[in-house]
């Protein structure tokens, strides 16, 4: 069995931050799943990375946009099928409760 790296109390705290209610069984399962996930990721610590430069991407591309690239659609074209437009912007229903 995987060594417990994440306790049920830590899972409960994460759940509270996410406004989730978890049962005791769910706390146990998530604790085990998180611990197993961290154990798998921890295998990366075994790799010898001396002399390897840090990178944020691996495909070698530095700028995929061409200079002078033109927009594919004008604002008017984008808005022509909108149900409602105010000041040249799409109008949608609110998504946040206050």
C-alpha atoms as a PDB file:
ATOM      1  CA  UNK A   1       0.000   0.000   0.000  1.00  0.00           C
ATOM      2  CA  UNK A   2       1.162   3.535  -0.762  1.00  0.00           C
ATOM      3  CA  UNK A   3       2.531   5.535   2.153  1.00  0.00           C
ATOM      4  CA  UNK A   4      -0.049   8.123   3.158  1.00  0.00           C
ATOM      5  CA  UNK A   5       1.340  11.495   2.039  1.00  0.00           C
ATOM      6  CA  UNK A   6      -1.936  13.411   2.257  1.00  0.00           C
ATOM      7  CA  UNK A   7      -4.017  13.009   5.411  1.00  0.00           C
ATOM      8  CA  UNK A   8      -7.800  12.954   5.571  1.00  0.00           C
ATOM      9  CA  UNK A   9      -7.595  16.256   7.470  1.00  0.00           C
ATOM     10  CA  UNK A  10      -5.706  17.835   4.569  1.00  0.00           C
ATOM     11  CA  UNK A  11      -8.298  16.511   2.120  1.00  0.00           C
ATOM     12  CA  UNK A  12     -11.048  17.920   4.355  1.00  0.00           C
ATOM     13  CA  UNK A  13      -9.353  21.336   4.307  1.00  0.00           C
ATOM     14  CA  UNK A  14      -9.086  21.252   0.491  1.00  0.00           C
ATOM     15  CA  UNK A  15     -12.751  20.238   0.292  1.00  0.00           C
ATOM     16  CA  UNK A  16     -13.741  23.142   2.549  1.00  0.00           C
ATOM     17  CA  UNK A  17     -11.823  25.586   0.356  1.00  0.00           C
ATOM     18  CA  UNK A  18     -13.699  24.172  -2.655  1.00  0.00           C
ATOM     19  CA  UNK A  19     -16.988  24.317  -0.729  1.00  0.00           C
ATOM     20  CA  UNK A  20     -17.440  20.551  -1.057  1.00  0.00           C
ATOM     21  CA  UNK A  21     -18.987  18.199   1.459  1.00  0.00           C
ATOM     22  CA  UNK A  22     -17.255  14.827   1.591  1.00  0.00           C
ATOM     23  CA  UNK A  23     -18.259  11.719   3.463  1.00  0.00           C
ATOM     24  CA  UNK A  24     -15.788   9.802   5.588  1.00  0.00           C
ATOM     25  CA  UNK A  25     -15.475   7.198   2.814  1.00  0.00           C
ATOM     26  CA  UNK A  26     -14.780   9.914   0.227  1.00  0.00           C
ATOM     27  CA  UNK A  27     -12.169  11.506   2.494  1.00  0.00           C
ATOM     28  CA  UNK A  28     -10.437   8.137   2.785  1.00  0.00           C
ATOM     29  CA  UNK A  29     -10.542   7.516  -0.970  1.00  0.00           C
ATOM     30  CA  UNK A  30      -9.301  11.004  -1.892  1.00  0.00           C
ATOM     31  CA  UNK A  31      -6.540  10.783   0.688  1.00  0.00           C
ATOM     32  CA  UNK A  32      -5.362   7.523  -0.883  1.00  0.00           C
ATOM     33  CA  UNK A  33      -5.742   8.816  -4.457  1.00  0.00           C
ATOM     34  CA  UNK A  34      -3.848  12.043  -3.749  1.00  0.00           C
ATOM     35  CA  UNK A  35      -1.109  10.092  -1.981  1.00  0.00           C
ATOM     36  CA  UNK A  36      -0.782   7.633  -4.877  1.00  0.00           C
ATOM     37  CA  UNK A  37      -0.650  10.503  -7.368  1.00  0.00           C
ATOM     38  CA  UNK A  38       2.103  12.254  -5.411  1.00  0.00           C
ATOM     39  CA  UNK A  39       4.027   8.975  -5.137  1.00  0.00           C
ATOM     40  CA  UNK A  40       3.953   8.572  -8.925  1.00  0.00           C
ATOM     41  CA  UNK A  41       5.048  12.165  -9.449  1.00  0.00           C
ATOM     42  CA  UNK A  42       7.795  11.705  -6.851  1.00  0.00           C
ATOM     43  CA  UNK A  43       9.453   9.200  -9.201  1.00  0.00           C
ATOM     44  CA  UNK A  44      10.578  12.247 -11.194  1.00  0.00           C
ATOM     45  CA  UNK A  45      12.920  13.114  -8.309  1.00  0.00           C
ATOM     46  CA  UNK A  46      14.966  10.047  -9.257  1.00  0.00           C
ATOM     47  CA  UNK A  47      15.893  11.555 -12.633  1.00  0.00           C
ATOM     48  CA  UNK A  48      19.345  13.092 -13.025  1.00  0.00           C
ATOM     49  CA  UNK A  49      18.652  16.599 -14.297  1.00  0.00           C
ATOM     50  CA  UNK A  50      22.128  18.057 -13.735  1.00  0.00           C
ATOM     51  CA  UNK A  51      23.137  20.101 -16.761  1.00  0.00           C
ATOM     52  CA  UNK A  52      19.600  20.210 -18.155  1.00  0.00           C
ATOM     53  CA  UNK A  53      18.326  23.718 -18.779  1.00  0.00           C
ATOM     54  CA  UNK A  54      14.854  24.595 -17.582  1.00  0.00           C
ATOM     55  CA  UNK A  55      12.264  25.071 -20.291  1.00  0.00           C
ATOM     56  CA  UNK A  56       8.641  26.115 -20.494  1.00  0.00           C
ATOM     57  CA  UNK A  57       7.938  24.412 -23.828  1.00  0.00           C
ATOM     58  CA  UNK A  58       9.579  21.661 -25.843  1.00  0.00           C
ATOM     59  CA  UNK A  59       8.651  22.132 -29.501  1.00  0.00           C
ATOM     60  CA  UNK A  60      11.333  24.726 -30.297  1.00  0.00           C
ATOM     61  CA  UNK A  61       8.930  27.318 -31.669  1.00  0.00           C
ATOM     62  CA  UNK A  62       9.492  30.863 -30.481  1.00  0.00           C
ATOM     63  CA  UNK A  63       6.898  32.923 -32.352  1.00  0.00           C
ATOM     64  CA  UNK A  64       4.132  31.206 -34.286  1.00  0.00           C
ATOM     65  CA  UNK A  65       2.411  34.430 -35.331  1.00  0.00           C
ATOM     66  CA  UNK A  66       3.365  36.036 -38.604  1.00  0.00           C
ATOM     67  CA  UNK A  67       3.957  39.753 -38.713  1.00  0.00           C
ATOM     68  CA  UNK A  68       1.129  41.576 -40.357  1.00  0.00           C
ATOM     69  CA  UNK A  69      -1.307  38.728 -39.762  1.00  0.00           C
ATOM     70  CA  UNK A  70      -4.863  39.878 -40.375  1.00  0.00           C
ATOM     71  CA  UNK A  71      -7.859  39.149 -38.207  1.00  0.00           C
ATOM     72  CA  UNK A  72     -10.021  36.408 -39.702  1.00  0.00           C
ATOM     73  CA  UNK A  73     -13.314  38.157 -38.910  1.00  0.00           C
ATOM     74  CA  UNK A  74     -14.258  41.794 -38.543  1.00  0.00           C
ATOM     75  CA  UNK A  75     -16.094  42.999 -35.450  1.00  0.00           C
ATOM     76  CA  UNK A  76     -19.240  43.541 -37.505  1.00  0.00           C
ATOM     77  CA  UNK A  77     -19.079  39.996 -38.905  1.00  0.00           C
ATOM     78  CA  UNK A  78     -18.606  38.549 -35.428  1.00  0.00           C
ATOM     79  CA  UNK A  79     -21.570  40.492 -34.021  1.00  0.00           C
ATOM     80  CA  UNK A  80     -23.989  40.056 -36.926  1.00  0.00           C
ATOM     81  CA  UNK A  81     -25.732  36.995 -35.406  1.00  0.00           C
ATOM     82  CA  UNK A  82     -25.677  38.181 -31.789  1.00  0.00           C
ATOM     83  CA  UNK A  83     -29.074  38.332 -30.066  1.00  0.00           C
ATOM     84  CA  UNK A  84     -28.131  41.561 -28.308  1.00  0.00           C
ATOM     85  CA  UNK A  85     -25.242  44.015 -28.722  1.00  0.00           C
ATOM     86  CA  UNK A  86     -24.347  47.015 -26.563  1.00  0.00           C
ATOM     87  CA  UNK A  87     -21.472  49.344 -27.490  1.00  0.00           C
ATOM     88  CA  UNK A  88     -20.176  46.796 -30.035  1.00  0.00           C
ATOM     89  CA  UNK A  89     -20.030  44.004 -27.425  1.00  0.00           C
ATOM     90  CA  UNK A  90     -21.935  40.735 -27.055  1.00  0.00           C
ATOM     91  CA  UNK A  91     -24.565  40.834 -24.314  1.00  0.00           C
ATOM     92  CA  UNK A  92     -25.032  37.654 -22.262  1.00  0.00           C
ATOM     93  CA  UNK A  93     -26.894  36.676 -19.130  1.00  0.00           C
ATOM     94  CA  UNK A  94     -25.027  37.167 -15.868  1.00  0.00           C
ATOM     95  CA  UNK A  95     -23.101  34.156 -14.592  1.00  0.00           C
ATOM     96  CA  UNK A  96     -22.245  35.331 -11.076  1.00  0.00           C
ATOM     97  CA  UNK A  97     -24.589  35.538  -8.092  1.00  0.00           C
ATOM     98  CA  UNK A  98     -24.003  38.423  -5.711  1.00  0.00           C
END
